[in-house]
Amino acid sequence: MAINKVMVLGAGTMGMGIAQVFAEAGKTVIVRDIADAFIQRGEGVLKKNMEKKVAKGKMDQAAADDIMSRILVEEM
């Protein structure tokens, strides 16, 4: 049985890092948190991480966009 969808509870540093790793592995990730402020911060950290990878040449913008498209962040 293949696992194709993962849910992460908590959009903090650790939660978004876990979501990023799963998304980079090709999985669909749902991240949930209790407050919109946490979600906004987490999404900002994730975007910054992707921008850094693109700037350093570790991935191209299309790959970063593909990874970001696999992560759905929502409030509980």
PDB file of N, CA and C in Angstrom:
ATOM      1  N   MET A   1       0.844  -1.178   0.000  1.00  0.00           N
ATOM      2  CA  MET A   1       0.000   0.000   0.000  1.00  0.00           C
ATOM      3  C   MET A   1       0.890   1.243   0.000  1.00  0.00           C
ATOM      4  N   ALA A   2       0.715   2.076  -0.984  1.00  0.00           N
ATOM      5  CA  ALA A   2       1.489   3.309  -1.096  1.00  0.00           C
ATOM      6  C   ALA A   2       0.781   4.436  -0.368  1.00  0.00           C
ATOM      7  N   ILE A   3       1.563   5.243   0.303  1.00  0.00           N
ATOM      8  CA  ILE A   3       1.030   6.416   0.992  1.00  0.00           C
ATOM      9  C   ILE A   3       1.264   7.620   0.087  1.00  0.00           C
ATOM     10  N   ASN A   4       0.190   8.270  -0.329  1.00  0.00           N
ATOM     11  CA  ASN A   4       0.304   9.399  -1.239  1.00  0.00           C
ATOM     12  C   ASN A   4      -0.135  10.716  -0.643  1.00  0.00           C
ATOM     13  N   LYS A   5      -0.823  10.674   0.511  1.00  0.00           N
ATOM     14  CA  LYS A   5      -1.317  11.889   1.149  1.00  0.00           C
ATOM     15  C   LYS A   5      -0.969  11.830   2.625  1.00  0.00           C
ATOM     16  N   VAL A   6      -0.450  12.941   3.154  1.00  0.00           N
ATOM     17  CA  VAL A   6      -0.002  13.017   4.537  1.00  0.00           C
ATOM     18  C   VAL A   6      -0.620  14.259   5.178  1.00  0.00           C
ATOM     19  N   MET A   7      -0.981  14.154   6.470  1.00  0.00           N
ATOM     20  CA  MET A   7      -1.461  15.324   7.201  1.00  0.00           C
ATOM     21  C   MET A   7      -0.463  15.636   8.311  1.00  0.00           C
ATOM     22  N   VAL A   8      -0.129  16.912   8.425  1.00  0.00           N
ATOM     23  CA  VAL A   8       0.759  17.388   9.480  1.00  0.00           C
ATOM     24  C   VAL A   8      -0.049  18.339  10.349  1.00  0.00           C
ATOM     25  N   LEU A   9      -0.036  18.116  11.648  1.00  0.00           N
ATOM     26  CA  LEU A   9      -0.731  19.004  12.576  1.00  0.00           C
ATOM     27  C   LEU A   9       0.276  19.972  13.166  1.00  0.00           C
ATOM     28  N   GLY A  10       0.102  21.240  12.879  1.00  0.00           N
ATOM     29  CA  GLY A  10       1.003  22.278  13.368  1.00  0.00           C
ATOM     30  C   GLY A  10       1.798  22.882  12.230  1.00  0.00           C
ATOM     31  N   ALA A  11       1.645  24.184  12.018  1.00  0.00           N
ATOM     32  CA  ALA A  11       2.315  24.883  10.932  1.00  0.00           C
ATOM     33  C   ALA A  11       3.534  25.655  11.417  1.00  0.00           C
ATOM     34  N   GLY A  12       4.113  25.212  12.524  1.00  0.00           N
ATOM     35  CA  GLY A  12       5.325  25.852  13.034  1.00  0.00           C
ATOM     36  C   GLY A  12       6.537  25.432  12.223  1.00  0.00           C
ATOM     37  N   THR A  13       7.699  25.748  12.728  1.00  0.00           N
ATOM     38  CA  THR A  13       8.943  25.442  12.026  1.00  0.00           C
ATOM     39  C   THR A  13       9.070  23.950  11.739  1.00  0.00           C
ATOM     40  N   MET A  14       8.835  23.123  12.742  1.00  0.00           N
ATOM     41  CA  MET A  14       8.973  21.690  12.555  1.00  0.00           C
ATOM     42  C   MET A  14       7.892  21.139  11.623  1.00  0.00           C
ATOM     43  N   GLY A  15       6.659  21.557  11.831  1.00  0.00           N
ATOM     44  CA  GLY A  15       5.573  21.070  10.996  1.00  0.00           C
ATOM     45  C   GLY A  15       5.757  21.416   9.528  1.00  0.00           C
ATOM     46  N   MET A  16       6.159  22.645   9.244  1.00  0.00           N
ATOM     47  CA  MET A  16       6.361  23.043   7.856  1.00  0.00           C
ATOM     48  C   MET A  16       7.584  22.363   7.257  1.00  0.00           C
ATOM     49  N   GLY A  17       8.586  22.102   8.082  1.00  0.00           N
ATOM     50  CA  GLY A  17       9.753  21.359   7.598  1.00  0.00           C
ATOM     51  C   GLY A  17       9.381  19.940   7.207  1.00  0.00           C
ATOM     52  N   ILE A  18       8.565  19.302   8.030  1.00  0.00           N
ATOM     53  CA  ILE A  18       8.086  17.951   7.727  1.00  0.00           C
ATOM     54  C   ILE A  18       7.244  17.975   6.451  1.00  0.00           C
ATOM     55  N   ALA A  19       6.367  18.965   6.333  1.00  0.00           N
ATOM     56  CA  ALA A  19       5.532  19.093   5.136  1.00  0.00           C
ATOM     57  C   ALA A  19       6.394  19.277   3.890  1.00  0.00           C
ATOM     58  N   GLN A  20       7.429  20.079   4.000  1.00  0.00           N
ATOM     59  CA  GLN A  20       8.315  20.323   2.862  1.00  0.00           C
ATOM     60  C   GLN A  20       9.006  19.039   2.423  1.00  0.00           C
ATOM     61  N   VAL A  21       9.506  18.258   3.364  1.00  0.00           N
ATOM     62  CA  VAL A  21      10.191  17.010   3.029  1.00  0.00           C
ATOM     63  C   VAL A  21       9.244  16.042   2.319  1.00  0.00           C
ATOM     64  N   PHE A  22       8.023  15.906   2.843  1.00  0.00           N
ATOM     65  CA  PHE A  22       7.053  15.019   2.194  1.00  0.00           C
ATOM     66  C   PHE A  22       6.693  15.520   0.797  1.00  0.00           C
ATOM     67  N   ALA A  23       6.484  16.833   0.654  1.00  0.00           N
ATOM     68  CA  ALA A  23       6.139  17.392  -0.653  1.00  0.00           C
ATOM     69  C   ALA A  23       7.283  17.204  -1.647  1.00  0.00           C
ATOM     70  N   GLU A  24       8.525  17.361  -1.190  1.00  0.00           N
ATOM     71  CA  GLU A  24       9.677  17.134  -2.062  1.00  0.00           C
ATOM     72  C   GLU A  24       9.762  15.675  -2.498  1.00  0.00           C
ATOM     73  N   ALA A  25       9.210  14.784  -1.686  1.00  0.00           N
ATOM     74  CA  ALA A  25       9.191  13.354  -2.013  1.00  0.00           C
ATOM     75  C   ALA A  25       8.003  13.002  -2.913  1.00  0.00           C
ATOM     76  N   GLY A  26       7.206  13.992  -3.298  1.00  0.00           N
ATOM     77  CA  GLY A  26       6.111  13.768  -4.217  1.00  0.00           C
ATOM     78  C   GLY A  26       4.772  13.483  -3.572  1.00  0.00           C
ATOM     79  N   LYS A  27       4.680  13.644  -2.276  1.00  0.00           N
ATOM     80  CA  LYS A  27       3.423  13.386  -1.560  1.00  0.00           C
ATOM     81  C   LYS A  27       2.577  14.655  -1.495  1.00  0.00           C
ATOM     82  N   THR A  28       1.269  14.474  -1.426  1.00  0.00           N
ATOM     83  CA  THR A  28       0.347  15.573  -1.169  1.00  0.00           C
ATOM     84  C   THR A  28       0.290  15.762   0.346  1.00  0.00           C
ATOM     85  N   VAL A  29       0.406  17.001   0.811  1.00  0.00           N
ATOM     86  CA  VAL A  29       0.474  17.275   2.249  1.00  0.00           C
ATOM     87  C   VAL A  29      -0.595  18.282   2.641  1.00  0.00           C
ATOM     88  N   ILE A  30      -1.323  17.955   3.691  1.00  0.00           N
ATOM     89  CA  ILE A  30      -2.279  18.885   4.288  1.00  0.00           C
ATOM     90  C   ILE A  30      -1.700  19.290   5.637  1.00  0.00           C
ATOM     91  N   VAL A  31      -1.546  20.584   5.851  1.00  0.00           N
ATOM     92  CA  VAL A  31      -1.038  21.101   7.121  1.00  0.00           C
ATOM     93  C   VAL A  31      -2.181  21.847   7.793  1.00  0.00           C
ATOM     94  N   ARG A  32      -2.448  21.508   9.049  1.00  0.00           N
ATOM     95  CA  ARG A  32      -3.531  22.162   9.791  1.00  0.00           C
ATOM     96  C   ARG A  32      -2.977  22.757  11.077  1.00  0.00           C
ATOM     97  N   ASP A  33      -3.519  23.918  11.443  1.00  0.00           N
ATOM     98  CA  ASP A  33      -3.149  24.562  12.701  1.00  0.00           C
ATOM     99  C   ASP A  33      -4.374  25.271  13.260  1.00  0.00           C
ATOM    100  N   ILE A  34      -4.273  25.663  14.527  1.00  0.00           N
ATOM    101  CA  ILE A  34      -5.439  26.213  15.221  1.00  0.00           C
ATOM    102  C   ILE A  34      -5.676  27.695  14.959  1.00  0.00           C
ATOM    103  N   ALA A  35      -4.692  28.409  14.453  1.00  0.00           N
ATOM    104  CA  ALA A  35      -4.845  29.857  14.274  1.00  0.00           C
ATOM    105  C   ALA A  35      -4.283  30.296  12.930  1.00  0.00           C
ATOM    106  N   ASP A  36      -4.963  31.223  12.307  1.00  0.00           N
ATOM    107  CA  ASP A  36      -4.535  31.737  11.015  1.00  0.00           C
ATOM    108  C   ASP A  36      -3.155  32.396  11.096  1.00  0.00           C
ATOM    109  N   ALA A  37      -2.828  32.997  12.216  1.00  0.00           N
ATOM    110  CA  ALA A  37      -1.512  33.636  12.370  1.00  0.00           C
ATOM    111  C   ALA A  37      -0.390  32.605  12.242  1.00  0.00           C
ATOM    112  N   PHE A  38      -0.581  31.432  12.819  1.00  0.00           N
ATOM    113  CA  PHE A  38       0.425  30.371  12.721  1.00  0.00           C
ATOM    114  C   PHE A  38       0.542  29.877  11.279  1.00  0.00           C
ATOM    115  N   ILE A  39      -0.589  29.795  10.619  1.00  0.00           N
ATOM    116  CA  ILE A  39      -0.611  29.336   9.236  1.00  0.00           C
ATOM    117  C   ILE A  39       0.122  30.329   8.332  1.00  0.00           C
ATOM    118  N   GLN A  40      -0.160  31.600   8.503  1.00  0.00           N
ATOM    119  CA  GLN A  40       0.492  32.627   7.685  1.00  0.00           C
ATOM    120  C   GLN A  40       2.004  32.620   7.884  1.00  0.00           C
ATOM    121  N   ARG A  41       2.439  32.509   9.138  1.00  0.00           N
ATOM    122  CA  ARG A  41       3.871  32.465   9.427  1.00  0.00           C
ATOM    123  C   ARG A  41       4.506  31.236   8.796  1.00  0.00           C
ATOM    124  N   GLY A  42       3.847  30.094   8.939  1.00  0.00           N
ATOM    125  CA  GLY A  42       4.378  28.847   8.383  1.00  0.00           C
ATOM    126  C   GLY A  42       4.501  28.888   6.874  1.00  0.00           C
ATOM    127  N   GLU A  43       3.498  29.441   6.211  1.00  0.00           N
ATOM    128  CA  GLU A  43       3.557  29.561   4.759  1.00  0.00           C
ATOM    129  C   GLU A  43       4.691  30.493   4.337  1.00  0.00           C
ATOM    130  N   GLY A  44       4.903  31.554   5.107  1.00  0.00           N
ATOM    131  CA  GLY A  44       5.996  32.476   4.807  1.00  0.00           C
ATOM    132  C   GLY A  44       7.351  31.808   4.926  1.00  0.00           C
ATOM    133  N   VAL A  45       7.522  31.001   5.963  1.00  0.00           N
ATOM    134  CA  VAL A  45       8.784  30.274   6.156  1.00  0.00           C
ATOM    135  C   VAL A  45       9.002  29.297   5.007  1.00  0.00           C
ATOM    136  N   LEU A  46       7.957  28.597   4.609  1.00  0.00           N
ATOM    137  CA  LEU A  46       8.064  27.638   3.515  1.00  0.00           C
ATOM    138  C   LEU A  46       8.447  28.333   2.210  1.00  0.00           C
ATOM    139  N   LYS A  47       7.799  29.449   1.907  1.00  0.00           N
ATOM    140  CA  LYS A  47       8.120  30.195   0.689  1.00  0.00           C
ATOM    141  C   LYS A  47       9.559  30.683   0.707  1.00  0.00           C
ATOM    142  N   LYS A  48      10.016  31.159   1.864  1.00  0.00           N
ATOM    143  CA  LYS A  48      11.395  31.633   1.988  1.00  0.00           C
ATOM    144  C   LYS A  48      12.384  30.485   1.757  1.00  0.00           C
ATOM    145  N   ASN A  49      12.071  29.305   2.311  1.00  0.00           N
ATOM    146  CA  ASN A  49      12.938  28.138   2.105  1.00  0.00           C
ATOM    147  C   ASN A  49      13.039  27.779   0.624  1.00  0.00           C
ATOM    148  N   MET A  50      11.917  27.820  -0.073  1.00  0.00           N
ATOM    149  CA  MET A  50      11.917  27.507  -1.505  1.00  0.00           C
ATOM    150  C   MET A  50      12.698  28.559  -2.289  1.00  0.00           C
ATOM    151  N   GLU A  51      12.525  29.827  -1.943  1.00  0.00           N
ATOM    152  CA  GLU A  51      13.257  30.899  -2.623  1.00  0.00           C
ATOM    153  C   GLU A  51      14.758  30.743  -2.444  1.00  0.00           C
ATOM    154  N   LYS A  52      15.191  30.351  -1.243  1.00  0.00           N
ATOM    155  CA  LYS A  52      16.618  30.142  -0.987  1.00  0.00           C
ATOM    156  C   LYS A  52      17.169  29.017  -1.843  1.00  0.00           C
ATOM    157  N   LYS A  53      16.415  27.918  -1.961  1.00  0.00           N
ATOM    158  CA  LYS A  53      16.876  26.790  -2.777  1.00  0.00           C
ATOM    159  C   LYS A  53      16.998  27.183  -4.245  1.00  0.00           C
ATOM    160  N   VAL A  54      16.049  27.977  -4.724  1.00  0.00           N
ATOM    161  CA  VAL A  54      16.095  28.428  -6.111  1.00  0.00           C
ATOM    162  C   VAL A  54      17.286  29.367  -6.305  1.00  0.00           C
ATOM    163  N   ALA A  55      17.489  30.296  -5.381  1.00  0.00           N
ATOM    164  CA  ALA A  55      18.586  31.254  -5.485  1.00  0.00           C
ATOM    165  C   ALA A  55      19.951  30.570  -5.466  1.00  0.00           C
ATOM    166  N   LYS A  56      20.073  29.492  -4.709  1.00  0.00           N
ATOM    167  CA  LYS A  56      21.339  28.760  -4.617  1.00  0.00           C
ATOM    168  C   LYS A  56      21.532  27.770  -5.763  1.00  0.00           C
ATOM    169  N   GLY A  57      20.517  27.626  -6.617  1.00  0.00           N
ATOM    170  CA  GLY A  57      20.618  26.724  -7.749  1.00  0.00           C
ATOM    171  C   GLY A  57      20.372  25.266  -7.399  1.00  0.00           C
ATOM    172  N   LYS A  58      19.819  25.015  -6.219  1.00  0.00           N
ATOM    173  CA  LYS A  58      19.549  23.639  -5.817  1.00  0.00           C
ATOM    174  C   LYS A  58      18.308  23.083  -6.513  1.00  0.00           C
ATOM    175  N   MET A  59      17.432  23.966  -6.993  1.00  0.00           N
ATOM    176  CA  MET A  59      16.260  23.562  -7.772  1.00  0.00           C
ATOM    177  C   MET A  59      15.822  24.746  -8.615  1.00  0.00           C
ATOM    178  N   ASP A  60      15.071  24.462  -9.656  1.00  0.00           N
ATOM    179  CA  ASP A  60      14.572  25.564 -10.476  1.00  0.00           C
ATOM    180  C   ASP A  60      13.204  26.015  -9.961  1.00  0.00           C
ATOM    181  N   GLN A  61      12.747  27.136 -10.474  1.00  0.00           N
ATOM    182  CA  GLN A  61      11.499  27.719  -9.991  1.00  0.00           C
ATOM    183  C   GLN A  61      10.310  26.806 -10.254  1.00  0.00           C
ATOM    184  N   ALA A  62      10.327  26.084 -11.368  1.00  0.00           N
ATOM    185  CA  ALA A  62       9.217  25.175 -11.682  1.00  0.00           C
ATOM    186  C   ALA A  62       9.110  24.068 -10.639  1.00  0.00           C
ATOM    187  N   ALA A  63      10.247  23.533 -10.203  1.00  0.00           N
ATOM    188  CA  ALA A  63      10.236  22.485  -9.174  1.00  0.00           C
ATOM    189  C   ALA A  63       9.735  23.046  -7.852  1.00  0.00           C
ATOM    190  N   ALA A  64      10.157  24.247  -7.503  1.00  0.00           N
ATOM    191  CA  ALA A  64       9.698  24.884  -6.260  1.00  0.00           C
ATOM    192  C   ALA A  64       8.191  25.120  -6.302  1.00  0.00           C
ATOM    193  N   ASP A  65       7.694  25.581  -7.433  1.00  0.00           N
ATOM    194  CA  ASP A  65       6.251  25.794  -7.583  1.00  0.00           C
ATOM    195  C   ASP A  65       5.486  24.476  -7.480  1.00  0.00           C
ATOM    196  N   ASP A  66       6.048  23.416  -8.045  1.00  0.00           N
ATOM    197  CA  ASP A  66       5.414  22.102  -7.982  1.00  0.00           C
ATOM    198  C   ASP A  66       5.333  21.610  -6.543  1.00  0.00           C
ATOM    199  N   ILE A  67       6.400  21.797  -5.785  1.00  0.00           N
ATOM    200  CA  ILE A  67       6.418  21.402  -4.373  1.00  0.00           C
ATOM    201  C   ILE A  67       5.378  22.207  -3.594  1.00  0.00           C
ATOM    202  N   MET A  68       5.352  23.513  -3.814  1.00  0.00           N
ATOM    203  CA  MET A  68       4.396  24.371  -3.108  1.00  0.00           C
ATOM    204  C   MET A  68       2.953  23.989  -3.443  1.00  0.00           C
ATOM    205  N   SER A  69       2.713  23.542  -4.665  1.00  0.00           N
ATOM    206  CA  SER A  69       1.350  23.189  -5.064  1.00  0.00           C
ATOM    207  C   SER A  69       0.860  21.918  -4.370  1.00  0.00           C
ATOM    208  N   ARG A  70       1.772  21.108  -3.866  1.00  0.00           N
ATOM    209  CA  ARG A  70       1.393  19.874  -3.173  1.00  0.00           C
ATOM    210  C   ARG A  70       1.059  20.095  -1.700  1.00  0.00           C
ATOM    211  N   ILE A  71       1.275  21.307  -1.195  1.00  0.00           N
ATOM    212  CA  ILE A  71       1.041  21.585   0.230  1.00  0.00           C
ATOM    213  C   ILE A  71      -0.193  22.463   0.376  1.00  0.00           C
ATOM    214  N   LEU A  72      -1.186  21.942   1.089  1.00  0.00           N
ATOM    215  CA  LEU A  72      -2.410  22.678   1.379  1.00  0.00           C
ATOM    216  C   LEU A  72      -2.399  23.003   2.863  1.00  0.00           C
ATOM    217  N   VAL A  73      -2.464  24.286   3.203  1.00  0.00           N
ATOM    218  CA  VAL A  73      -2.432  24.714   4.599  1.00  0.00           C
ATOM    219  C   VAL A  73      -3.817  25.254   4.953  1.00  0.00           C
ATOM    220  N   GLU A  74      -4.394  24.759   6.057  1.00  0.00           N
ATOM    221  CA  GLU A  74      -5.729  25.193   6.445  1.00  0.00           C
ATOM    222  C   GLU A  74      -5.864  25.279   7.963  1.00  0.00           C
ATOM    223  N   GLU A  75      -6.833  26.062   8.376  1.00  0.00           N
ATOM    224  CA  GLU A  75      -7.109  26.245   9.803  1.00  0.00           C
ATOM    225  C   GLU A  75      -8.065  25.162  10.286  1.00  0.00           C
ATOM    226  N   MET A  76      -7.872  24.699  11.526  1.00  0.00           N
ATOM    227  CA  MET A  76      -8.747  23.692  12.107  1.00  0.00           C
ATOM    228  C   MET A  76     -10.049  24.318  12.547  1.00  0.00           C
TER     229      MET A  76
END
